[in-house]
Amino acid sequence: MRELQMLWLINGVLMKRSNFYPNGEFIPYQMPQDFRPSQGRGSCGNCGMFSQRHLFCGVYRTKGVKDTYVCNKWRPRHFKR
C-alpha cells in the first residue's frame, strides 16, 4: 500500500490527512499534507530540525508537533541530546 502519499485514494475519492492527532489535539496547520505517523526509524523526535523541549519544528516554524510523526523533509540528527 502507498500510505506515505500526500493524498490517499479511498473508494475513488482523494482524501487529505486528518487535521487532528488520534487523541483529538489539532495538528498545526503549517505542517504539510505528507505529515504522518512514523513507520520506521525516522521521526520528528530524531530529526535535526526538531526541538523536543518545545515540541517545535524548525523546518515549518511551528509548535505542537508530536515526536512520533514524520514528514518528507526529515533529516538525521548529527548530535546527541
C-alpha atoms as a PDB file:
ATOM      1  CA  MET A   1       0.000   0.000   0.000  1.00  0.00           C
ATOM      2  CA  ARG A   2       1.113   3.564  -0.627  1.00  0.00           C
ATOM      3  CA  GLU A   3       0.227   5.010   2.800  1.00  0.00           C
ATOM      4  CA  LEU A   4       3.074   7.526   2.557  1.00  0.00           C
ATOM      5  CA  GLN A   5       1.474   9.562  -0.222  1.00  0.00           C
ATOM      6  CA  MET A   6       0.259  13.117   0.336  1.00  0.00           C
ATOM      7  CA  LEU A   7      -3.286  12.220  -0.645  1.00  0.00           C
ATOM      8  CA  TRP A   8      -4.946   8.838  -0.347  1.00  0.00           C
ATOM      9  CA  LEU A   9      -7.350   7.303  -2.823  1.00  0.00           C
ATOM     10  CA  ILE A  10     -10.278   5.746  -0.926  1.00  0.00           C
ATOM     11  CA  ASN A  11     -13.178   4.357  -2.958  1.00  0.00           C
ATOM     12  CA  GLY A  12     -12.216   6.625  -5.862  1.00  0.00           C
ATOM     13  CA  VAL A  13     -12.112   9.781  -3.692  1.00  0.00           C
ATOM     14  CA  LEU A  14      -8.935  11.702  -2.859  1.00  0.00           C
ATOM     15  CA  MET A  15      -8.633  12.183   0.907  1.00  0.00           C
ATOM     16  CA  LYS A  16      -6.397  14.656   2.758  1.00  0.00           C
ATOM     17  CA  ARG A  17      -4.664  13.832   6.014  1.00  0.00           C
ATOM     18  CA  SER A  18      -6.635  14.485   9.193  1.00  0.00           C
ATOM     19  CA  ASN A  19      -6.257  17.848  10.933  1.00  0.00           C
ATOM     20  CA  PHE A  20      -6.218  16.092  14.324  1.00  0.00           C
ATOM     21  CA  TYR A  21      -3.906  13.722  16.160  1.00  0.00           C
ATOM     22  CA  PRO A  22      -5.595  10.472  17.339  1.00  0.00           C
ATOM     23  CA  ASN A  23      -6.006  11.960  20.848  1.00  0.00           C
ATOM     24  CA  GLY A  24      -8.076  14.865  19.439  1.00  0.00           C
ATOM     25  CA  GLU A  25      -5.414  17.595  19.528  1.00  0.00           C
ATOM     26  CA  PHE A  26      -5.013  19.832  16.474  1.00  0.00           C
ATOM     27  CA  ILE A  27      -2.173  19.181  14.042  1.00  0.00           C
ATOM     28  CA  PRO A  28      -0.627  22.625  13.359  1.00  0.00           C
ATOM     29  CA  TYR A  29      -1.889  23.981  10.028  1.00  0.00           C
ATOM     30  CA  GLN A  30       1.696  24.774   8.953  1.00  0.00           C
ATOM     31  CA  MET A  31       2.519  21.063   8.723  1.00  0.00           C
ATOM     32  CA  PRO A  32       2.419  19.615   5.182  1.00  0.00           C
ATOM     33  CA  GLN A  33      -0.028  17.056   3.797  1.00  0.00           C
ATOM     34  CA  ASP A  34       2.755  14.422   3.914  1.00  0.00           C
ATOM     35  CA  PHE A  35       2.941  14.714   7.759  1.00  0.00           C
ATOM     36  CA  ARG A  36       2.080  11.241   9.040  1.00  0.00           C
ATOM     37  CA  PRO A  37       2.747   8.738  11.847  1.00  0.00           C
ATOM     38  CA  SER A  38       6.271   7.347  11.575  1.00  0.00           C
ATOM     39  CA  GLN A  39       6.568   3.781  10.290  1.00  0.00           C
ATOM     40  CA  GLY A  40      10.343   3.378  10.516  1.00  0.00           C
ATOM     41  CA  ARG A  41      13.446   4.810  12.113  1.00  0.00           C
ATOM     42  CA  GLY A  42      12.912   8.407  11.021  1.00  0.00           C
ATOM     43  CA  SER A  43      10.555  10.524  13.112  1.00  0.00           C
ATOM     44  CA  CYS A  44      10.341  14.125  14.298  1.00  0.00           C
ATOM     45  CA  GLY A  45      11.881  13.011  17.602  1.00  0.00           C
ATOM     46  CA  ASN A  46      15.221  12.287  15.936  1.00  0.00           C
ATOM     47  CA  CYS A  47      15.102  14.935  13.196  1.00  0.00           C
ATOM     48  CA  GLY A  48      17.865  17.535  13.225  1.00  0.00           C
ATOM     49  CA  MET A  49      15.332  20.364  12.973  1.00  0.00           C
ATOM     50  CA  PHE A  50      13.096  19.288  15.894  1.00  0.00           C
ATOM     51  CA  SER A  51      13.250  20.630  19.464  1.00  0.00           C
ATOM     52  CA  GLN A  52      11.919  18.038  21.932  1.00  0.00           C
ATOM     53  CA  ARG A  53      11.816  20.559  24.763  1.00  0.00           C
ATOM     54  CA  HIS A  54       9.411  22.882  22.955  1.00  0.00           C
ATOM     55  CA  LEU A  55       7.825  20.348  20.533  1.00  0.00           C
ATOM     56  CA  PHE A  56       8.981  22.760  17.828  1.00  0.00           C
ATOM     57  CA  CYS A  57       9.631  22.017  14.146  1.00  0.00           C
ATOM     58  CA  GLY A  58      12.388  24.244  12.754  1.00  0.00           C
ATOM     59  CA  VAL A  59      11.512  23.440   9.134  1.00  0.00           C
ATOM     60  CA  TYR A  60       7.905  24.644   9.350  1.00  0.00           C
ATOM     61  CA  ARG A  61       8.494  27.018  12.317  1.00  0.00           C
ATOM     62  CA  THR A  62       5.625  25.728  14.455  1.00  0.00           C
ATOM     63  CA  LYS A  63       4.948  24.322  17.922  1.00  0.00           C
ATOM     64  CA  GLY A  64       2.716  21.389  18.864  1.00  0.00           C
ATOM     65  CA  VAL A  65       4.460  18.778  16.704  1.00  0.00           C
ATOM     66  CA  LYS A  66       4.393  15.188  18.013  1.00  0.00           C
ATOM     67  CA  ASP A  67       7.751  13.406  18.054  1.00  0.00           C
ATOM     68  CA  THR A  68       6.296  10.138  16.708  1.00  0.00           C
ATOM     69  CA  TYR A  69       5.293  11.695  13.364  1.00  0.00           C
ATOM     70  CA  VAL A  70       7.404  12.419  10.280  1.00  0.00           C
ATOM     71  CA  CYS A  71       7.307  14.426   7.035  1.00  0.00           C
ATOM     72  CA  ASN A  72       9.297  14.210   3.803  1.00  0.00           C
ATOM     73  CA  LYS A  73      11.734  16.934   4.953  1.00  0.00           C
ATOM     74  CA  TRP A  74      13.090  14.748   7.769  1.00  0.00           C
ATOM     75  CA  ARG A  75      16.886  14.820   8.145  1.00  0.00           C
ATOM     76  CA  PRO A  76      19.076  12.919  10.620  1.00  0.00           C
ATOM     77  CA  ARG A  77      20.255  14.458  13.861  1.00  0.00           C
ATOM     78  CA  HIS A  78      24.064  14.661  13.933  1.00  0.00           C
ATOM     79  CA  PHE A  79      24.486  15.359  17.636  1.00  0.00           C
ATOM     80  CA  LYS A  80      23.409  13.771  20.922  1.00  0.00           C
ATOM     81  CA  ARG A  81      20.941  15.438  23.243  1.00  0.00           C
END
